[in-house]
Amino acid sequence: RVTIETLEGAREPTSESPVAVPAFTLLQRTVREVFPDALTSPFLVLGGTDSRHFQIVSDNVYRFTPIEGDPSVLKRIHGTDERISVDNYERAVRFFARLMQNGAS
């Protein structure tokens, strides 16, 4: 009594990114430096991201945003009045600057 059909444009999910590799270790190290109380762990990202376009370049594609999210922040992501605080923005810039420094050393 139930019919299932593939919709046009449906695609396979992106591949899982490995965690036992230097790239993930670099990410963990940088998170520890900028967000000392945070844990870094694999997580299932729901929804489509542009990361699928980068899989041809690397197996190490991590869907990551260095912002601290409480319910009010998470509610605004892709919603009405989407924004992050100035403090979150500053930490995100500091994170990516540190990630580039760590990756270059």
PDB file of N, CA and C in Angstrom:
ATOM      1  N   ARG A   1       0.801  -1.197   0.000  1.00  0.00           N
ATOM      2  CA  ARG A   1       0.000   0.000   0.000  1.00  0.00           C
ATOM      3  C   ARG A   1       0.841   1.257   0.000  1.00  0.00           C
ATOM      4  N   VAL A   2       2.153   1.104   0.098  1.00  0.00           N
ATOM      5  CA  VAL A   2       3.060   2.253   0.085  1.00  0.00           C
ATOM      6  C   VAL A   2       3.933   2.154  -1.151  1.00  0.00           C
ATOM      7  N   THR A   3       4.051   3.240  -1.871  1.00  0.00           N
ATOM      8  CA  THR A   3       4.907   3.284  -3.052  1.00  0.00           C
ATOM      9  C   THR A   3       6.055   4.236  -2.778  1.00  0.00           C
ATOM     10  N   ILE A   4       7.262   3.791  -3.108  1.00  0.00           N
ATOM     11  CA  ILE A   4       8.452   4.631  -2.934  1.00  0.00           C
ATOM     12  C   ILE A   4       9.091   4.823  -4.295  1.00  0.00           C
ATOM     13  N   GLU A   5       9.442   6.060  -4.591  1.00  0.00           N
ATOM     14  CA  GLU A   5      10.115   6.335  -5.855  1.00  0.00           C
ATOM     15  C   GLU A   5      11.244   7.328  -5.616  1.00  0.00           C
ATOM     16  N   THR A   6      12.272   7.216  -6.416  1.00  0.00           N
ATOM     17  CA  THR A   6      13.398   8.135  -6.322  1.00  0.00           C
ATOM     18  C   THR A   6      13.023   9.432  -7.005  1.00  0.00           C
ATOM     19  N   LEU A   7      13.243  10.520  -6.304  1.00  0.00           N
ATOM     20  CA  LEU A   7      12.968  11.824  -6.883  1.00  0.00           C
ATOM     21  C   LEU A   7      14.138  12.261  -7.743  1.00  0.00           C
ATOM     22  N   GLU A   8      13.873  13.044  -8.750  1.00  0.00           N
ATOM     23  CA  GLU A   8      14.935  13.571  -9.590  1.00  0.00           C
ATOM     24  C   GLU A   8      15.872  14.415  -8.747  1.00  0.00           C
ATOM     25  N   GLY A   9      17.151  14.267  -8.951  1.00  0.00           N
ATOM     26  CA  GLY A   9      18.130  15.039  -8.212  1.00  0.00           C
ATOM     27  C   GLY A   9      18.598  14.363  -6.934  1.00  0.00           C
ATOM     28  N   ALA A  10      18.016  13.234  -6.585  1.00  0.00           N
ATOM     29  CA  ALA A  10      18.470  12.535  -5.374  1.00  0.00           C
ATOM     30  C   ALA A  10      19.898  12.059  -5.591  1.00  0.00           C
ATOM     31  N   ARG A  11      20.708  12.112  -4.553  1.00  0.00           N
ATOM     32  CA  ARG A  11      22.096  11.692  -4.680  1.00  0.00           C
ATOM     33  C   ARG A  11      22.518  10.934  -3.437  1.00  0.00           C
ATOM     34  N   GLU A  12      23.605  10.225  -3.579  1.00  0.00           N
ATOM     35  CA  GLU A  12      24.151   9.461  -2.468  1.00  0.00           C
ATOM     36  C   GLU A  12      24.725  10.408  -1.418  1.00  0.00           C
ATOM     37  N   PRO A  13      24.753   9.993  -0.157  1.00  0.00           N
ATOM     38  CA  PRO A  13      25.364  10.853   0.861  1.00  0.00           C
ATOM     39  C   PRO A  13      26.866  10.972   0.644  1.00  0.00           C
ATOM     40  N   THR A  14      27.445  12.007   1.192  1.00  0.00           N
ATOM     41  CA  THR A  14      28.894  12.167   1.090  1.00  0.00           C
ATOM     42  C   THR A  14      29.581  11.102   1.931  1.00  0.00           C
ATOM     43  N   SER A  15      30.828  10.840   1.608  1.00  0.00           N
ATOM     44  CA  SER A  15      31.588   9.818   2.311  1.00  0.00           C
ATOM     45  C   SER A  15      31.914  10.256   3.731  1.00  0.00           C
ATOM     46  N   GLU A  16      32.152   9.262   4.553  1.00  0.00           N
ATOM     47  CA  GLU A  16      32.605   9.508   5.916  1.00  0.00           C
ATOM     48  C   GLU A  16      34.058   9.963   5.872  1.00  0.00           C
ATOM     49  N   SER A  17      34.405  10.960   6.658  1.00  0.00           N
ATOM     50  CA  SER A  17      35.779  11.441   6.699  1.00  0.00           C
ATOM     51  C   SER A  17      36.537  10.714   7.808  1.00  0.00           C
ATOM     52  N   PRO A  18      37.760  10.283   7.547  1.00  0.00           N
ATOM     53  CA  PRO A  18      38.507   9.511   8.539  1.00  0.00           C
ATOM     54  C   PRO A  18      38.949  10.369   9.726  1.00  0.00           C
ATOM     55  N   VAL A  19      39.084   9.729  10.885  1.00  0.00           N
ATOM     56  CA  VAL A  19      39.542  10.446  12.075  1.00  0.00           C
ATOM     57  C   VAL A  19      40.939  10.006  12.515  1.00  0.00           C
ATOM     58  N   ALA A  20      41.423   8.877  12.017  1.00  0.00           N
ATOM     59  CA  ALA A  20      42.762   8.387  12.383  1.00  0.00           C
ATOM     60  C   ALA A  20      43.785   8.842  11.347  1.00  0.00           C
ATOM     61  N   VAL A  21      43.797  10.151  11.084  1.00  0.00           N
ATOM     62  CA  VAL A  21      44.696  10.725  10.080  1.00  0.00           C
ATOM     63  C   VAL A  21      45.245  12.054  10.601  1.00  0.00           C
ATOM     64  N   PRO A  22      46.383  12.509  10.081  1.00  0.00           N
ATOM     65  CA  PRO A  22      46.969  13.780  10.530  1.00  0.00           C
ATOM     66  C   PRO A  22      46.030  14.984  10.393  1.00  0.00           C
ATOM     67  N   ALA A  23      45.191  15.015   9.370  1.00  0.00           N
ATOM     68  CA  ALA A  23      44.291  16.160   9.168  1.00  0.00           C
ATOM     69  C   ALA A  23      43.317  16.305  10.330  1.00  0.00           C
ATOM     70  N   PHE A  24      42.780  15.198  10.814  1.00  0.00           N
ATOM     71  CA  PHE A  24      41.844  15.274  11.941  1.00  0.00           C
ATOM     72  C   PHE A  24      42.585  15.623  13.226  1.00  0.00           C
ATOM     73  N   THR A  25      43.796  15.110  13.381  1.00  0.00           N
ATOM     74  CA  THR A  25      44.623  15.451  14.541  1.00  0.00           C
ATOM     75  C   THR A  25      44.907  16.952  14.570  1.00  0.00           C
ATOM     76  N   LEU A  26      45.190  17.538  13.409  1.00  0.00           N
ATOM     77  CA  LEU A  26      45.410  18.983  13.296  1.00  0.00           C
ATOM     78  C   LEU A  26      44.152  19.748  13.708  1.00  0.00           C
ATOM     79  N   LEU A  27      43.009  19.288  13.250  1.00  0.00           N
ATOM     80  CA  LEU A  27      41.745  19.913  13.613  1.00  0.00           C
ATOM     81  C   LEU A  27      41.524  19.829  15.127  1.00  0.00           C
ATOM     82  N   GLN A  28      41.748  18.649  15.707  1.00  0.00           N
ATOM     83  CA  GLN A  28      41.591  18.482  17.159  1.00  0.00           C
ATOM     84  C   GLN A  28      42.525  19.410  17.934  1.00  0.00           C
ATOM     85  N   ARG A  29      43.774  19.469  17.518  1.00  0.00           N
ATOM     86  CA  ARG A  29      44.762  20.317  18.198  1.00  0.00           C
ATOM     87  C   ARG A  29      44.320  21.776  18.186  1.00  0.00           C
ATOM     88  N   THR A  30      43.865  22.236  17.038  1.00  0.00           N
ATOM     89  CA  THR A  30      43.467  23.635  16.904  1.00  0.00           C
ATOM     90  C   THR A  30      42.211  23.928  17.722  1.00  0.00           C
ATOM     91  N   VAL A  31      41.269  23.012  17.730  1.00  0.00           N
ATOM     92  CA  VAL A  31      40.073  23.195  18.560  1.00  0.00           C
ATOM     93  C   VAL A  31      40.485  23.318  20.025  1.00  0.00           C
ATOM     94  N   ARG A  32      41.385  22.453  20.488  1.00  0.00           N
ATOM     95  CA  ARG A  32      41.854  22.508  21.883  1.00  0.00           C
ATOM     96  C   ARG A  32      42.490  23.854  22.212  1.00  0.00           C
ATOM     97  N   GLU A  33      43.243  24.409  21.266  1.00  0.00           N
ATOM     98  CA  GLU A  33      43.929  25.681  21.503  1.00  0.00           C
ATOM     99  C   GLU A  33      42.962  26.871  21.575  1.00  0.00           C
ATOM    100  N   VAL A  34      41.953  26.861  20.727  1.00  0.00           N
ATOM    101  CA  VAL A  34      41.040  28.005  20.651  1.00  0.00           C
ATOM    102  C   VAL A  34      39.818  27.822  21.558  1.00  0.00           C
ATOM    103  N   PHE A  35      39.378  26.588  21.699  1.00  0.00           N
ATOM    104  CA  PHE A  35      38.216  26.258  22.528  1.00  0.00           C
ATOM    105  C   PHE A  35      38.628  25.192  23.549  1.00  0.00           C
ATOM    106  N   PRO A  36      39.384  25.561  24.577  1.00  0.00           N
ATOM    107  CA  PRO A  36      39.975  24.570  25.481  1.00  0.00           C
ATOM    108  C   PRO A  36      38.976  23.657  26.190  1.00  0.00           C
ATOM    109  N   ASP A  37      37.737  24.072  26.353  1.00  0.00           N
ATOM    110  CA  ASP A  37      36.746  23.241  27.038  1.00  0.00           C
ATOM    111  C   ASP A  37      35.952  22.344  26.090  1.00  0.00           C
ATOM    112  N   ALA A  38      36.209  22.445  24.797  1.00  0.00           N
ATOM    113  CA  ALA A  38      35.435  21.683  23.810  1.00  0.00           C
ATOM    114  C   ALA A  38      36.063  20.322  23.543  1.00  0.00           C
ATOM    115  N   LEU A  39      35.224  19.372  23.174  1.00  0.00           N
ATOM    116  CA  LEU A  39      35.676  18.068  22.719  1.00  0.00           C
ATOM    117  C   LEU A  39      35.508  18.019  21.206  1.00  0.00           C
ATOM    118  N   THR A  40      36.404  17.329  20.542  1.00  0.00           N
ATOM    119  CA  THR A  40      36.301  17.167  19.093  1.00  0.00           C
ATOM    120  C   THR A  40      35.956  15.712  18.820  1.00  0.00           C
ATOM    121  N   SER A  41      34.843  15.492  18.159  1.00  0.00           N
ATOM    122  CA  SER A  41      34.424  14.117  17.873  1.00  0.00           C
ATOM    123  C   SER A  41      33.655  14.097  16.562  1.00  0.00           C
ATOM    124  N   PRO A  42      33.603  12.932  15.924  1.00  0.00           N
ATOM    125  CA  PRO A  42      32.804  12.815  14.690  1.00  0.00           C
ATOM    126  C   PRO A  42      31.332  13.096  15.001  1.00  0.00           C
ATOM    127  N   PHE A  43      30.628  13.575  13.999  1.00  0.00           N
ATOM    128  CA  PHE A  43      29.235  13.957  14.169  1.00  0.00           C
ATOM    129  C   PHE A  43      28.542  13.818  12.825  1.00  0.00           C
ATOM    130  N   LEU A  44      27.310  13.420  12.836  1.00  0.00           N
ATOM    131  CA  LEU A  44      26.521  13.295  11.617  1.00  0.00           C
ATOM    132  C   LEU A  44      25.915  14.645  11.268  1.00  0.00           C
ATOM    133  N   VAL A  45      26.263  15.173  10.109  1.00  0.00           N
ATOM    134  CA  VAL A  45      25.698  16.443   9.645  1.00  0.00           C
ATOM    135  C   VAL A  45      24.477  16.125   8.793  1.00  0.00           C
ATOM    136  N   LEU A  46      23.351  16.612   9.216  1.00  0.00           N
ATOM    137  CA  LEU A  46      22.116  16.390   8.470  1.00  0.00           C
ATOM    138  C   LEU A  46      21.963  17.460   7.407  1.00  0.00           C
ATOM    139  N   GLY A  47      21.495  17.070   6.260  1.00  0.00           N
ATOM    140  CA  GLY A  47      21.291  18.032   5.190  1.00  0.00           C
ATOM    141  C   GLY A  47      22.482  18.068   4.243  1.00  0.00           C
ATOM    142  N   GLY A  48      22.289  18.677   3.131  1.00  0.00           N
ATOM    143  CA  GLY A  48      23.349  18.758   2.124  1.00  0.00           C
ATOM    144  C   GLY A  48      24.267  19.939   2.381  1.00  0.00           C
ATOM    145  N   THR A  49      25.543  19.737   2.142  1.00  0.00           N
ATOM    146  CA  THR A  49      26.508  20.827   2.239  1.00  0.00           C
ATOM    147  C   THR A  49      27.343  20.851   0.968  1.00  0.00           C
ATOM    148  N   ASP A  50      28.100  21.904   0.802  1.00  0.00           N
ATOM    149  CA  ASP A  50      28.991  22.000  -0.357  1.00  0.00           C
ATOM    150  C   ASP A  50      30.165  21.035  -0.255  1.00  0.00           C
ATOM    151  N   SER A  51      30.298  20.354   0.870  1.00  0.00           N
ATOM    152  CA  SER A  51      31.436  19.447   1.053  1.00  0.00           C
ATOM    153  C   SER A  51      31.488  18.364  -0.022  1.00  0.00           C
ATOM    154  N   ARG A  52      30.372  18.022  -0.603  1.00  0.00           N
ATOM    155  CA  ARG A  52      30.367  16.976  -1.647  1.00  0.00           C
ATOM    156  C   ARG A  52      31.249  17.356  -2.829  1.00  0.00           C
ATOM    157  N   HIS A  53      31.421  18.655  -3.059  1.00  0.00           N
ATOM    158  CA  HIS A  53      32.236  19.111  -4.185  1.00  0.00           C
ATOM    159  C   HIS A  53      33.732  18.954  -3.913  1.00  0.00           C
ATOM    160  N   PHE A  54      34.113  18.805  -2.650  1.00  0.00           N
ATOM    161  CA  PHE A  54      35.522  18.721  -2.282  1.00  0.00           C
ATOM    162  C   PHE A  54      36.013  17.293  -2.163  1.00  0.00           C
ATOM    163  N   GLN A  55      35.138  16.320  -2.237  1.00  0.00           N
ATOM    164  CA  GLN A  55      35.543  14.924  -2.106  1.00  0.00           C
ATOM    165  C   GLN A  55      36.450  14.456  -3.238  1.00  0.00           C
ATOM    166  N   ILE A  56      36.405  15.120  -4.371  1.00  0.00           N
ATOM    167  CA  ILE A  56      37.310  14.740  -5.459  1.00  0.00           C
ATOM    168  C   ILE A  56      38.736  15.208  -5.181  1.00  0.00           C
ATOM    169  N   VAL A  57      38.898  16.134  -4.232  1.00  0.00           N
ATOM    170  CA  VAL A  57      40.204  16.690  -3.887  1.00  0.00           C
ATOM    171  C   VAL A  57      40.829  15.945  -2.710  1.00  0.00           C
ATOM    172  N   SER A  58      40.005  15.535  -1.736  1.00  0.00           N
ATOM    173  CA  SER A  58      40.541  14.924  -0.524  1.00  0.00           C
ATOM    174  C   SER A  58      39.514  14.020   0.143  1.00  0.00           C
ATOM    175  N   ASP A  59      39.996  12.985   0.803  1.00  0.00           N
ATOM    176  CA  ASP A  59      39.126  12.148   1.631  1.00  0.00           C
ATOM    177  C   ASP A  59      38.862  12.816   2.978  1.00  0.00           C
ATOM    178  N   ASN A  60      39.670  13.816   3.310  1.00  0.00           N
ATOM    179  CA  ASN A  60      39.597  14.482   4.608  1.00  0.00           C
ATOM    180  C   ASN A  60      38.783  15.770   4.496  1.00  0.00           C
ATOM    181  N   VAL A  61      37.477  15.637   4.385  1.00  0.00           N
ATOM    182  CA  VAL A  61      36.585  16.781   4.265  1.00  0.00           C
ATOM    183  C   VAL A  61      35.743  16.828   5.540  1.00  0.00           C
ATOM    184  N   TYR A  62      36.024  17.807   6.392  1.00  0.00           N
ATOM    185  CA  TYR A  62      35.344  17.898   7.686  1.00  0.00           C
ATOM    186  C   TYR A  62      34.352  19.050   7.656  1.00  0.00           C
ATOM    187  N   ARG A  63      33.122  18.744   7.970  1.00  0.00           N
ATOM    188  CA  ARG A  63      32.052  19.738   7.987  1.00  0.00           C
ATOM    189  C   ARG A  63      32.081  20.365   9.379  1.00  0.00           C
ATOM    190  N   PHE A  64      32.674  21.524   9.494  1.00  0.00           N
ATOM    191  CA  PHE A  64      32.967  22.094  10.799  1.00  0.00           C
ATOM    192  C   PHE A  64      32.783  23.603  10.785  1.00  0.00           C
ATOM    193  N   THR A  65      32.154  24.112  11.808  1.00  0.00           N
ATOM    194  CA  THR A  65      32.007  25.557  11.979  1.00  0.00           C
ATOM    195  C   THR A  65      32.435  25.900  13.397  1.00  0.00           C
ATOM    196  N   PRO A  66      33.468  26.703  13.561  1.00  0.00           N
ATOM    197  CA  PRO A  66      33.986  26.988  14.900  1.00  0.00           C
ATOM    198  C   PRO A  66      33.216  28.080  15.637  1.00  0.00           C
ATOM    199  N   ILE A  67      31.950  27.805  15.913  1.00  0.00           N
ATOM    200  CA  ILE A  67      31.166  28.742  16.719  1.00  0.00           C
ATOM    201  C   ILE A  67      30.577  27.978  17.901  1.00  0.00           C
ATOM    202  N   GLU A  68      30.375  28.691  18.988  1.00  0.00           N
ATOM    203  CA  GLU A  68      29.711  28.103  20.143  1.00  0.00           C
ATOM    204  C   GLU A  68      28.219  28.317  19.968  1.00  0.00           C
ATOM    205  N   GLY A  69      27.466  27.240  20.080  1.00  0.00           N
ATOM    206  CA  GLY A  69      26.043  27.336  19.822  1.00  0.00           C
ATOM    207  C   GLY A  69      25.186  26.970  21.007  1.00  0.00           C
ATOM    208  N   ASP A  70      24.376  27.908  21.448  1.00  0.00           N
ATOM    209  CA  ASP A  70      23.344  27.597  22.420  1.00  0.00           C
ATOM    210  C   ASP A  70      22.025  27.568  21.639  1.00  0.00           C
ATOM    211  N   PRO A  71      20.930  27.201  22.265  1.00  0.00           N
ATOM    212  CA  PRO A  71      19.672  27.100  21.511  1.00  0.00           C
ATOM    213  C   PRO A  71      19.301  28.348  20.718  1.00  0.00           C
ATOM    214  N   SER A  72      19.605  29.537  21.227  1.00  0.00           N
ATOM    215  CA  SER A  72      19.245  30.749  20.481  1.00  0.00           C
ATOM    216  C   SER A  72      20.084  30.894  19.215  1.00  0.00           C
ATOM    217  N   VAL A  73      21.365  30.502  19.280  1.00  0.00           N
ATOM    218  CA  VAL A  73      22.236  30.558  18.102  1.00  0.00           C
ATOM    219  C   VAL A  73      21.797  29.520  17.082  1.00  0.00           C
ATOM    220  N   LEU A  74      21.563  28.297  17.544  1.00  0.00           N
ATOM    221  CA  LEU A  74      21.185  27.214  16.641  1.00  0.00           C
ATOM    222  C   LEU A  74      19.854  27.477  15.952  1.00  0.00           C
ATOM    223  N   LYS A  75      18.951  28.164  16.627  1.00  0.00           N
ATOM    224  CA  LYS A  75      17.639  28.479  16.054  1.00  0.00           C
ATOM    225  C   LYS A  75      17.758  29.441  14.872  1.00  0.00           C
ATOM    226  N   ARG A  76      18.767  30.313  14.893  1.00  0.00           N
ATOM    227  CA  ARG A  76      18.914  31.321  13.835  1.00  0.00           C
ATOM    228  C   ARG A  76      19.675  30.814  12.614  1.00  0.00           C
ATOM    229  N   ILE A  77      20.350  29.658  12.726  1.00  0.00           N
ATOM    230  CA  ILE A  77      21.115  29.155  11.579  1.00  0.00           C
ATOM    231  C   ILE A  77      20.136  28.824  10.453  1.00  0.00           C
ATOM    232  N   HIS A  78      20.322  29.445   9.322  1.00  0.00           N
ATOM    233  CA  HIS A  78      19.464  29.310   8.139  1.00  0.00           C
ATOM    234  C   HIS A  78      18.022  29.715   8.440  1.00  0.00           C
ATOM    235  N   GLY A  79      17.828  30.579   9.423  1.00  0.00           N
ATOM    236  CA  GLY A  79      16.480  31.004   9.771  1.00  0.00           C
ATOM    237  C   GLY A  79      16.337  32.507   9.683  1.00  0.00           C
ATOM    238  N   THR A  80      15.247  32.992  10.223  1.00  0.00           N
ATOM    239  CA  THR A  80      14.989  34.423  10.254  1.00  0.00           C
ATOM    240  C   THR A  80      16.041  35.112  11.106  1.00  0.00           C
ATOM    241  N   ASP A  81      16.572  36.210  10.610  1.00  0.00           N
ATOM    242  CA  ASP A  81      17.567  36.998  11.337  1.00  0.00           C
ATOM    243  C   ASP A  81      18.837  36.191  11.601  1.00  0.00           C
ATOM    244  N   GLU A  82      19.299  35.456  10.597  1.00  0.00           N
ATOM    245  CA  GLU A  82      20.497  34.621  10.759  1.00  0.00           C
ATOM    246  C   GLU A  82      21.710  35.494  11.057  1.00  0.00           C
ATOM    247  N   ARG A  83      22.406  35.146  12.159  1.00  0.00           N
ATOM    248  CA  ARG A  83      23.595  35.898  12.540  1.00  0.00           C
ATOM    249  C   ARG A  83      24.300  35.152  13.667  1.00  0.00           C
ATOM    250  N   ILE A  84      25.550  35.552  13.932  1.00  0.00           N
ATOM    251  CA  ILE A  84      26.262  35.081  15.104  1.00  0.00           C
ATOM    252  C   ILE A  84      26.772  36.303  15.852  1.00  0.00           C
ATOM    253  N   SER A  85      27.141  36.101  17.104  1.00  0.00           N
ATOM    254  CA  SER A  85      27.619  37.231  17.901  1.00  0.00           C
ATOM    255  C   SER A  85      29.005  37.670  17.434  1.00  0.00           C
ATOM    256  N   VAL A  86      29.376  38.876  17.810  1.00  0.00           N
ATOM    257  CA  VAL A  86      30.713  39.388  17.504  1.00  0.00           C
ATOM    258  C   VAL A  86      31.766  38.492  18.158  1.00  0.00           C
ATOM    259  N   ASP A  87      31.516  38.031  19.392  1.00  0.00           N
ATOM    260  CA  ASP A  87      32.454  37.127  20.067  1.00  0.00           C
ATOM    261  C   ASP A  87      32.635  35.831  19.293  1.00  0.00           C
ATOM    262  N   ASN A  88      31.528  35.255  18.803  1.00  0.00           N
ATOM    263  CA  ASN A  88      31.617  34.032  18.004  1.00  0.00           C
ATOM    264  C   ASN A  88      32.389  34.272  16.719  1.00  0.00           C
ATOM    265  N   TYR A  89      32.144  35.403  16.086  1.00  0.00           N
ATOM    266  CA  TYR A  89      32.838  35.737  14.842  1.00  0.00           C
ATOM    267  C   TYR A  89      34.345  35.866  15.100  1.00  0.00           C
ATOM    268  N   GLU A  90      34.705  36.548  16.182  1.00  0.00           N
ATOM    269  CA  GLU A  90      36.120  36.737  16.525  1.00  0.00           C
ATOM    270  C   GLU A  90      36.793  35.390  16.788  1.00  0.00           C
ATOM    271  N   ARG A  91      36.124  34.474  17.512  1.00  0.00           N
ATOM    272  CA  ARG A  91      36.702  33.149  17.781  1.00  0.00           C
ATOM    273  C   ARG A  91      36.837  32.337  16.497  1.00  0.00           C
ATOM    274  N   ALA A  92      35.890  32.470  15.590  1.00  0.00           N
ATOM    275  CA  ALA A  92      35.968  31.745  14.319  1.00  0.00           C
ATOM    276  C   ALA A  92      37.169  32.228  13.501  1.00  0.00           C
ATOM    277  N   VAL A  93      37.378  33.538  13.448  1.00  0.00           N
ATOM    278  CA  VAL A  93      38.537  34.086  12.733  1.00  0.00           C
ATOM    279  C   VAL A  93      39.824  33.609  13.396  1.00  0.00           C
ATOM    280  N   ARG A  94      39.869  33.659  14.741  1.00  0.00           N
ATOM    281  CA  ARG A  94      41.051  33.201  15.474  1.00  0.00           C
ATOM    282  C   ARG A  94      41.307  31.708  15.230  1.00  0.00           C
ATOM    283  N   PHE A  95      40.221  30.921  15.170  1.00  0.00           N
ATOM    284  CA  PHE A  95      40.362  29.488  14.909  1.00  0.00           C
ATOM    285  C   PHE A  95      41.008  29.246  13.544  1.00  0.00           C
ATOM    286  N   PHE A  96      40.471  29.858  12.492  1.00  0.00           N
ATOM    287  CA  PHE A  96      40.999  29.599  11.153  1.00  0.00           C
ATOM    288  C   PHE A  96      42.421  30.126  10.989  1.00  0.00           C
ATOM    289  N   ALA A  97      42.729  31.247  11.609  1.00  0.00           N
ATOM    290  CA  ALA A  97      44.111  31.750  11.572  1.00  0.00           C
ATOM    291  C   ALA A  97      45.036  30.750  12.251  1.00  0.00           C
ATOM    292  N   ARG A  98      44.622  30.223  13.396  1.00  0.00           N
ATOM    293  CA  ARG A  98      45.445  29.253  14.122  1.00  0.00           C
ATOM    294  C   ARG A  98      45.550  27.942  13.356  1.00  0.00           C
ATOM    295  N   LEU A  99      44.489  27.520  12.713  1.00  0.00           N
ATOM    296  CA  LEU A  99      44.508  26.281  11.913  1.00  0.00           C
ATOM    297  C   LEU A  99      45.537  26.413  10.791  1.00  0.00           C
ATOM    298  N   MET A 100      45.579  27.568  10.137  1.00  0.00           N
ATOM    299  CA  MET A 100      46.574  27.781   9.065  1.00  0.00           C
ATOM    300  C   MET A 100      47.989  27.795   9.626  1.00  0.00           C
ATOM    301  N   GLN A 101      48.182  28.427  10.788  1.00  0.00           N
ATOM    302  CA  GLN A 101      49.506  28.422  11.412  1.00  0.00           C
ATOM    303  C   GLN A 101      49.926  26.998  11.788  1.00  0.00           C
ATOM    304  N   ASN A 102      49.038  26.252  12.405  1.00  0.00           N
ATOM    305  CA  ASN A 102      49.361  24.886  12.798  1.00  0.00           C
ATOM    306  C   ASN A 102      49.629  24.001  11.584  1.00  0.00           C
ATOM    307  N   GLY A 103      48.867  24.196  10.525  1.00  0.00           N
ATOM    308  CA  GLY A 103      49.057  23.395   9.318  1.00  0.00           C
ATOM    309  C   GLY A 103      50.358  23.700   8.595  1.00  0.00           C
ATOM    310  N   ALA A 104      50.849  24.904   8.775  1.00  0.00           N
ATOM    311  CA  ALA A 104      52.094  25.307   8.105  1.00  0.00           C
ATOM    312  C   ALA A 104      53.341  24.853   8.868  1.00  0.00           C
ATOM    313  N   SER A 105      53.146  24.457  10.130  1.00  0.00           N
ATOM    314  CA  SER A 105      54.334  24.085  10.922  1.00  0.00           C
ATOM    315  C   SER A 105      54.625  22.608  10.866  1.00  0.00           C
TER     316      SER A 105
END
